[in-house]
PDB file of N, CA and C in Angstrom:
ATOM      1  N   MET A   1      41.092  44.460-127.845  1.00  0.00           N
ATOM      2  CA  MET A   1      42.811  45.163-127.957  1.00  0.00           C
ATOM      3  C   MET A   1      43.204  45.645-126.212  1.00  0.00           C
ATOM      4  N   ASP A   2      43.925  44.684-125.695  1.00  0.00           N
ATOM      5  CA  ASP A   2      44.849  45.491-124.558  1.00  0.00           C
ATOM      6  C   ASP A   2      45.130  46.621-124.236  1.00  0.00           C
ATOM      7  N   LEU A   3      45.247  47.128-123.258  1.00  0.00           N
ATOM      8  CA  LEU A   3      46.054  48.458-123.131  1.00  0.00           C
ATOM      9  C   LEU A   3      47.293  48.856-123.451  1.00  0.00           C
ATOM     10  N   PHE A   4      48.393  47.568-123.605  1.00  0.00           N
ATOM     11  CA  PHE A   4      49.380  47.477-123.996  1.00  0.00           C
ATOM     12  C   PHE A   4      49.439  47.753-125.733  1.00  0.00           C
ATOM     13  N   GLU A   5      48.382  47.389-126.404  1.00  0.00           N
ATOM     14  CA  GLU A   5      48.246  47.223-127.619  1.00  0.00           C
ATOM     15  C   GLU A   5      48.005  48.655-127.586  1.00  0.00           C
ATOM     16  N   SER A   6      47.047  49.315-127.375  1.00  0.00           N
ATOM     17  CA  SER A   6      46.349  50.708-127.723  1.00  0.00           C
ATOM     18  C   SER A   6      47.460  51.565-127.256  1.00  0.00           C
ATOM     19  N   LYS A   7      48.525  51.521-126.838  1.00  0.00           N
ATOM     20  CA  LYS A   7      49.642  52.325-126.652  1.00  0.00           C
ATOM     21  C   LYS A   7      51.055  52.072-127.375  1.00  0.00           C
ATOM     22  N   THR A   8      50.635  51.129-128.273  1.00  0.00           N
ATOM     23  CA  THR A   8      51.634  50.740-129.184  1.00  0.00           C
ATOM     24  C   THR A   8      51.735  50.845-130.646  1.00  0.00           C
ATOM     25  N   HIS A   9      52.609  51.503-131.534  1.00  0.00           N
ATOM     26  CA  HIS A   9      52.574  51.411-133.048  1.00  0.00           C
ATOM     27  C   HIS A   9      53.520  50.544-133.383  1.00  0.00           C
ATOM     28  N   SER A  10      53.513  49.878-134.164  1.00  0.00           N
ATOM     29  CA  SER A  10      54.733  49.331-134.976  1.00  0.00           C
ATOM     30  C   SER A  10      54.461  49.885-136.378  1.00  0.00           C
ATOM     31  N   PHE A  11      55.807  49.544-137.084  1.00  0.00           N
ATOM     32  CA  PHE A  11      56.377  50.304-138.438  1.00  0.00           C
ATOM     33  C   PHE A  11      57.195  49.221-138.763  1.00  0.00           C
ATOM     34  N   ILE A  12      57.104  49.296-140.030  1.00  0.00           N
ATOM     35  CA  ILE A  12      57.722  48.244-141.129  1.00  0.00           C
ATOM     36  C   ILE A  12      58.336  49.413-142.228  1.00  0.00           C
ATOM     37  N   ILE A  13      59.723  49.330-141.781  1.00  0.00           N
ATOM     38  CA  ILE A  13      60.565  49.838-142.913  1.00  0.00           C
ATOM     39  C   ILE A  13      61.544  49.138-143.926  1.00  0.00           C
ATOM     40  N   LYS A  14      61.501  49.503-145.108  1.00  0.00           N
ATOM     41  CA  LYS A  14      62.030  48.840-146.358  1.00  0.00           C
ATOM     42  C   LYS A  14      62.875  49.717-147.142  1.00  0.00           C
ATOM     43  N   ILE A  15      63.933  49.311-146.963  1.00  0.00           N
ATOM     44  CA  ILE A  15      65.001  50.452-148.023  1.00  0.00           C
ATOM     45  C   ILE A  15      65.619  49.790-148.648  1.00  0.00           C
ATOM     46  N   TRP A  16      66.187  50.469-150.050  1.00  0.00           N
ATOM     47  CA  TRP A  16      66.843  49.750-151.013  1.00  0.00           C
ATOM     48  C   TRP A  16      67.823  50.581-151.702  1.00  0.00           C
ATOM     49  N   LEU A  17      68.664  50.271-152.463  1.00  0.00           N
ATOM     50  CA  LEU A  17      69.522  51.033-153.369  1.00  0.00           C
ATOM     51  C   LEU A  17      68.998  51.203-154.604  1.00  0.00           C
ATOM     52  N   GLU A  18      69.228  52.307-155.262  1.00  0.00           N
ATOM     53  CA  GLU A  18      68.820  51.896-156.720  1.00  0.00           C
ATOM     54  C   GLU A  18      69.807  51.473-157.254  1.00  0.00           C
ATOM     55  N   ASP A  19      69.003  50.521-158.666  1.00  0.00           N
ATOM     56  CA  ASP A  19      70.274  49.993-159.316  1.00  0.00           C
ATOM     57  C   ASP A  19      70.784  50.782-160.234  1.00  0.00           C
ATOM     58  N   ASP A  20      70.443  51.819-160.740  1.00  0.00           N
ATOM     59  CA  ASP A  20      71.392  52.521-161.591  1.00  0.00           C
ATOM     60  C   ASP A  20      71.983  53.613-160.890  1.00  0.00           C
ATOM     61  N   ASP A  21      71.755  53.838-159.512  1.00  0.00           N
ATOM     62  CA  ASP A  21      72.881  54.648-158.768  1.00  0.00           C
ATOM     63  C   ASP A  21      73.007  54.462-157.351  1.00  0.00           C
ATOM     64  N   ARG A  22      74.074  53.973-156.916  1.00  0.00           N
ATOM     65  CA  ARG A  22      74.107  53.264-155.903  1.00  0.00           C
ATOM     66  C   ARG A  22      74.693  54.583-155.031  1.00  0.00           C
ATOM     67  N   ASP A  23      74.404  55.946-155.364  1.00  0.00           N
ATOM     68  CA  ASP A  23      74.121  56.758-154.042  1.00  0.00           C
ATOM     69  C   ASP A  23      72.823  57.166-153.809  1.00  0.00           C
ATOM     70  N   LYS A  24      71.760  56.353-154.809  1.00  0.00           N
ATOM     71  CA  LYS A  24      70.469  56.874-154.218  1.00  0.00           C
ATOM     72  C   LYS A  24      69.849  55.741-153.539  1.00  0.00           C
ATOM     73  N   TRP A  25      68.907  56.220-152.685  1.00  0.00           N
ATOM     74  CA  TRP A  25      68.232  54.691-151.894  1.00  0.00           C
ATOM     75  C   TRP A  25      67.035  55.381-151.912  1.00  0.00           C
ATOM     76  N   ARG A  26      66.062  54.104-151.984  1.00  0.00           N
ATOM     77  CA  ARG A  26      64.582  54.477-151.452  1.00  0.00           C
ATOM     78  C   ARG A  26      64.211  53.371-150.885  1.00  0.00           C
ATOM     79  N   GLY A  27      62.704  53.762-150.510  1.00  0.00           N
ATOM     80  CA  GLY A  27      61.928  52.795-149.332  1.00  0.00           C
ATOM     81  C   GLY A  27      60.775  53.163-149.155  1.00  0.00           C
ATOM     82  N   HIS A  28      59.907  52.699-148.133  1.00  0.00           N
ATOM     83  CA  HIS A  28      58.534  53.103-147.736  1.00  0.00           C
ATOM     84  C   HIS A  28      58.578  52.376-146.395  1.00  0.00           C
ATOM     85  N   ILE A  29      57.641  53.092-145.806  1.00  0.00           N
ATOM     86  CA  ILE A  29      57.248  52.874-144.378  1.00  0.00           C
ATOM     87  C   ILE A  29      55.865  52.930-144.322  1.00  0.00           C
ATOM     88  N   THR A  30      55.738  51.575-143.337  1.00  0.00           N
ATOM     89  CA  THR A  30      54.254  51.208-143.444  1.00  0.00           C
ATOM     90  C   THR A  30      53.781  51.186-142.049  1.00  0.00           C
ATOM     91  N   HIS A  31      52.951  52.052-141.621  1.00  0.00           N
ATOM     92  CA  HIS A  31      52.176  52.079-140.166  1.00  0.00           C
ATOM     93  C   HIS A  31      51.193  50.318-140.241  1.00  0.00           C
ATOM     94  N   VAL A  32      51.827  49.594-139.483  1.00  0.00           N
ATOM     95  CA  VAL A  32      51.382  48.475-139.313  1.00  0.00           C
ATOM     96  C   VAL A  32      49.691  48.334-139.291  1.00  0.00           C
ATOM     97  N   PRO A  33      49.151  48.724-138.233  1.00  0.00           N
ATOM     98  CA  PRO A  33      47.891  48.700-137.568  1.00  0.00           C
ATOM     99  C   PRO A  33      46.708  49.597-138.721  1.00  0.00           C
ATOM    100  N   SER A  34      47.074  50.813-139.284  1.00  0.00           N
ATOM    101  CA  SER A  34      46.154  51.265-140.310  1.00  0.00           C
ATOM    102  C   SER A  34      46.593  50.719-141.723  1.00  0.00           C
ATOM    103  N   GLY A  35      47.861  50.707-142.101  1.00  0.00           N
ATOM    104  CA  GLY A  35      48.062  50.263-143.580  1.00  0.00           C
ATOM    105  C   GLY A  35      48.724  51.158-144.317  1.00  0.00           C
ATOM    106  N   VAL A  36      48.887  52.525-144.011  1.00  0.00           N
ATOM    107  CA  VAL A  36      49.078  53.550-144.535  1.00  0.00           C
ATOM    108  C   VAL A  36      50.767  53.589-144.613  1.00  0.00           C
ATOM    109  N   ARG A  37      50.966  53.633-145.977  1.00  0.00           N
ATOM    110  CA  ARG A  37      52.381  53.819-146.363  1.00  0.00           C
ATOM    111  C   ARG A  37      52.968  55.179-146.912  1.00  0.00           C
ATOM    112  N   ARG A  38      53.924  55.462-146.616  1.00  0.00           N
ATOM    113  CA  ARG A  38      54.589  56.460-147.374  1.00  0.00           C
ATOM    114  C   ARG A  38      55.726  55.778-147.944  1.00  0.00           C
ATOM    115  N   TYR A  39      56.348  56.284-149.141  1.00  0.00           N
ATOM    116  CA  TYR A  39      57.342  56.102-149.600  1.00  0.00           C
ATOM    117  C   TYR A  39      58.399  57.136-149.785  1.00  0.00           C
ATOM    118  N   LEU A  40      59.760  56.592-149.241  1.00  0.00           N
ATOM    119  CA  LEU A  40      60.604  57.550-149.056  1.00  0.00           C
ATOM    120  C   LEU A  40      61.661  57.954-150.134  1.00  0.00           C
ATOM    121  N   GLU A  41      62.605  59.031-149.894  1.00  0.00           N
ATOM    122  CA  GLU A  41      63.737  59.563-150.773  1.00  0.00           C
ATOM    123  C   GLU A  41      64.706  60.043-149.659  1.00  0.00           C
ATOM    124  N   ASP A  42      64.513  60.218-148.531  1.00  0.00           N
ATOM    125  CA  ASP A  42      65.396  60.735-147.663  1.00  0.00           C
ATOM    126  C   ASP A  42      65.067  60.233-145.761  1.00  0.00           C
ATOM    127  N   VAL A  43      66.090  59.874-145.336  1.00  0.00           N
ATOM    128  CA  VAL A  43      66.100  59.374-144.171  1.00  0.00           C
ATOM    129  C   VAL A  43      64.987  60.250-143.240  1.00  0.00           C
ATOM    130  N   SER A  44      65.328  61.584-143.078  1.00  0.00           N
ATOM    131  CA  SER A  44      64.409  62.400-142.274  1.00  0.00           C
ATOM    132  C   SER A  44      62.448  62.073-142.487  1.00  0.00           C
ATOM    133  N   GLU A  45      62.313  61.783-143.554  1.00  0.00           N
ATOM    134  CA  GLU A  45      60.902  61.189-143.846  1.00  0.00           C
ATOM    135  C   GLU A  45      60.530  60.058-142.794  1.00  0.00           C
ATOM    136  N   ILE A  46      61.551  59.712-142.652  1.00  0.00           N
ATOM    137  CA  ILE A  46      60.882  58.264-141.337  1.00  0.00           C
ATOM    138  C   ILE A  46      60.440  59.307-140.307  1.00  0.00           C
ATOM    139  N   THR A  47      61.550  60.128-139.915  1.00  0.00           N
ATOM    140  CA  THR A  47      60.907  60.728-138.459  1.00  0.00           C
ATOM    141  C   THR A  47      59.612  61.791-138.769  1.00  0.00           C
ATOM    142  N   ASN A  48      59.240  62.246-139.968  1.00  0.00           N
ATOM    143  CA  ASN A  48      58.125  62.704-139.818  1.00  0.00           C
ATOM    144  C   ASN A  48      57.007  61.593-140.168  1.00  0.00           C
ATOM    145  N   PHE A  49      57.210  60.868-140.569  1.00  0.00           N
ATOM    146  CA  PHE A  49      56.403  59.892-140.536  1.00  0.00           C
ATOM    147  C   PHE A  49      55.726  59.166-139.388  1.00  0.00           C
ATOM    148  N   ILE A  50      56.532  59.214-138.735  1.00  0.00           N
ATOM    149  CA  ILE A  50      56.237  58.531-137.281  1.00  0.00           C
ATOM    150  C   ILE A  50      55.910  59.744-135.959  1.00  0.00           C
ATOM    151  N   MET A  51      56.388  60.656-136.351  1.00  0.00           N
ATOM    152  CA  MET A  51      56.176  61.772-135.170  1.00  0.00           C
ATOM    153  C   MET A  51      54.591  62.013-135.027  1.00  0.00           C
ATOM    154  N   PRO A  52      53.697  61.870-135.994  1.00  0.00           N
ATOM    155  CA  PRO A  52      52.196  62.073-135.518  1.00  0.00           C
ATOM    156  C   PRO A  52      51.735  61.075-134.584  1.00  0.00           C
ATOM    157  N   TYR A  53      52.048  59.975-134.730  1.00  0.00           N
ATOM    158  CA  TYR A  53      51.759  58.612-134.554  1.00  0.00           C
ATOM    159  C   TYR A  53      51.909  58.884-132.400  1.00  0.00           C
ATOM    160  N   LEU A  54      53.150  59.287-132.592  1.00  0.00           N
ATOM    161  CA  LEU A  54      54.091  59.718-131.051  1.00  0.00           C
ATOM    162  C   LEU A  54      53.075  60.679-130.324  1.00  0.00           C
ATOM    163  N   GLU A  55      52.895  61.647-131.210  1.00  0.00           N
ATOM    164  CA  GLU A  55      52.118  63.140-130.801  1.00  0.00           C
ATOM    165  C   GLU A  55      50.625  62.492-130.231  1.00  0.00           C
ATOM    166  N   GLN A  56      49.905  61.513-130.840  1.00  0.00           N
ATOM    167  CA  GLN A  56      48.446  61.120-130.617  1.00  0.00           C
ATOM    168  C   GLN A  56      48.769  60.500-129.074  1.00  0.00           C
ATOM    169  N   MET A  57      50.068  59.493-128.892  1.00  0.00           N
ATOM    170  CA  MET A  57      50.124  59.067-127.624  1.00  0.00           C
ATOM    171  C   MET A  57      50.430  60.083-126.305  1.00  0.00           C
ATOM    172  N   GLY A  58      50.818  61.069-126.912  1.00  0.00           N
ATOM    173  CA  GLY A  58      50.991  62.077-125.775  1.00  0.00           C
ATOM    174  C   GLY A  58      52.505  62.520-125.707  1.00  0.00           C
ATOM    175  N   VAL A  59      53.283  62.061-126.397  1.00  0.00           N
ATOM    176  CA  VAL A  59      54.848  62.399-126.617  1.00  0.00           C
ATOM    177  C   VAL A  59      54.938  64.004-127.131  1.00  0.00           C
ATOM    178  N   GLU A  60      55.706  64.655-126.029  1.00  0.00           N
ATOM    179  CA  GLU A  60      55.828  65.884-126.805  1.00  0.00           C
ATOM    180  C   GLU A  60      57.119  66.360-127.147  1.00  0.00           C
ATOM    181  N   PHE A  61      57.619  66.911-128.362  1.00  0.00           N
ATOM    182  CA  PHE A  61      58.803  67.310-128.699  1.00  0.00           C
ATOM    183  C   PHE A  61      59.228  68.652-128.495  1.00  0.00           C
ATOM    184  N   GLY A  62      60.328  68.776-128.386  1.00  0.00           N
ATOM    185  CA  GLY A  62      60.957  70.069-128.087  1.00  0.00           C
ATOM    186  C   GLY A  62      61.021  70.922-129.428  1.00  0.00           C
ATOM    187  N   LEU A  63      61.427  72.020-128.956  1.00  0.00           N
ATOM    188  CA  LEU A  63      61.049  73.244-130.474  1.00  0.00           C
ATOM    189  C   LEU A  63      61.893  72.898-131.503  1.00  0.00           C
ATOM    190  N   LEU A  64      63.388  72.407-131.111  1.00  0.00           N
ATOM    191  CA  LEU A  64      64.035  71.804-132.363  1.00  0.00           C
ATOM    192  C   LEU A  64      63.004  70.832-133.232  1.00  0.00           C
ATOM    193  N   TRP A  65      62.859  69.796-132.631  1.00  0.00           N
ATOM    194  CA  TRP A  65      61.989  68.609-133.433  1.00  0.00           C
ATOM    195  C   TRP A  65      60.979  69.601-133.957  1.00  0.00           C
ATOM    196  N   ARG A  66      60.216  70.046-133.763  1.00  0.00           N
ATOM    197  CA  ARG A  66      58.941  70.887-134.318  1.00  0.00           C
ATOM    198  C   ARG A  66      59.497  71.890-135.340  1.00  0.00           C
ATOM    199  N   VAL A  67      60.638  72.817-135.086  1.00  0.00           N
ATOM    200  CA  VAL A  67      61.153  73.191-136.226  1.00  0.00           C
ATOM    201  C   VAL A  67      61.537  72.712-137.125  1.00  0.00           C
ATOM    202  N   ARG A  68      62.581  71.453-137.077  1.00  0.00           N
ATOM    203  CA  ARG A  68      62.756  70.684-138.129  1.00  0.00           C
ATOM    204  C   ARG A  68      61.909  69.722-139.304  1.00  0.00           C
ATOM    205  N   ARG A  69      60.484  69.484-138.153  1.00  0.00           N
ATOM    206  CA  ARG A  69      59.314  68.693-139.115  1.00  0.00           C
ATOM    207  C   ARG A  69      58.904  70.253-139.923  1.00  0.00           C
ATOM    208  N   TRP A  70      58.672  70.913-139.527  1.00  0.00           N
ATOM    209  CA  TRP A  70      57.919  72.148-140.154  1.00  0.00           C
ATOM    210  C   TRP A  70      58.841  72.490-141.418  1.00  0.00           C
ATOM    211  N   LEU A  71      60.189  72.812-141.182  1.00  0.00           N
ATOM    212  CA  LEU A  71      60.903  72.832-142.319  1.00  0.00           C
ATOM    213  C   LEU A  71      61.144  71.844-143.006  1.00  0.00           C
ATOM    214  N   SER A  72      60.595  70.808-142.737  1.00  0.00           N
ATOM    215  CA  SER A  72      61.236  69.252-143.880  1.00  0.00           C
ATOM    216  C   SER A  72      60.030  69.517-144.684  1.00  0.00           C
ATOM    217  N   GLN A  73      58.922  70.313-144.481  1.00  0.00           N
ATOM    218  CA  GLN A  73      57.572  70.312-145.494  1.00  0.00           C
ATOM    219  C   GLN A  73      57.730  71.358-146.650  1.00  0.00           C
ATOM    220  N   TRP A  74      58.808  72.088-146.450  1.00  0.00           N
ATOM    221  CA  TRP A  74      59.237  72.642-147.762  1.00  0.00           C
ATOM    222  C   TRP A  74      60.250  72.578-148.384  1.00  0.00           C
ATOM    223  N   LYS A  75      60.776  71.423-148.345  1.00  0.00           N
ATOM    224  CA  LYS A  75      62.012  70.600-149.473  1.00  0.00           C
ATOM    225  C   LYS A  75      61.027  70.897-150.562  1.00  0.00           C
TER     226      LYS A  75
END
């Protein structure tokens, strides 16, 4: 694995509308290198899934982002 690849994360996001309710959408996000997948019902879950990977790379998030992430755990 070269240096670029070791500092790169790829994700696949698939989103669709529910057939019976045009106001509801579902989806899933997959971390390509590990194959870890999470099913989604809210757009904020995309950010929550990606943030830990960015933190592992040394990205620091401000207080607002950390509070939002913490609060989203209690939905």
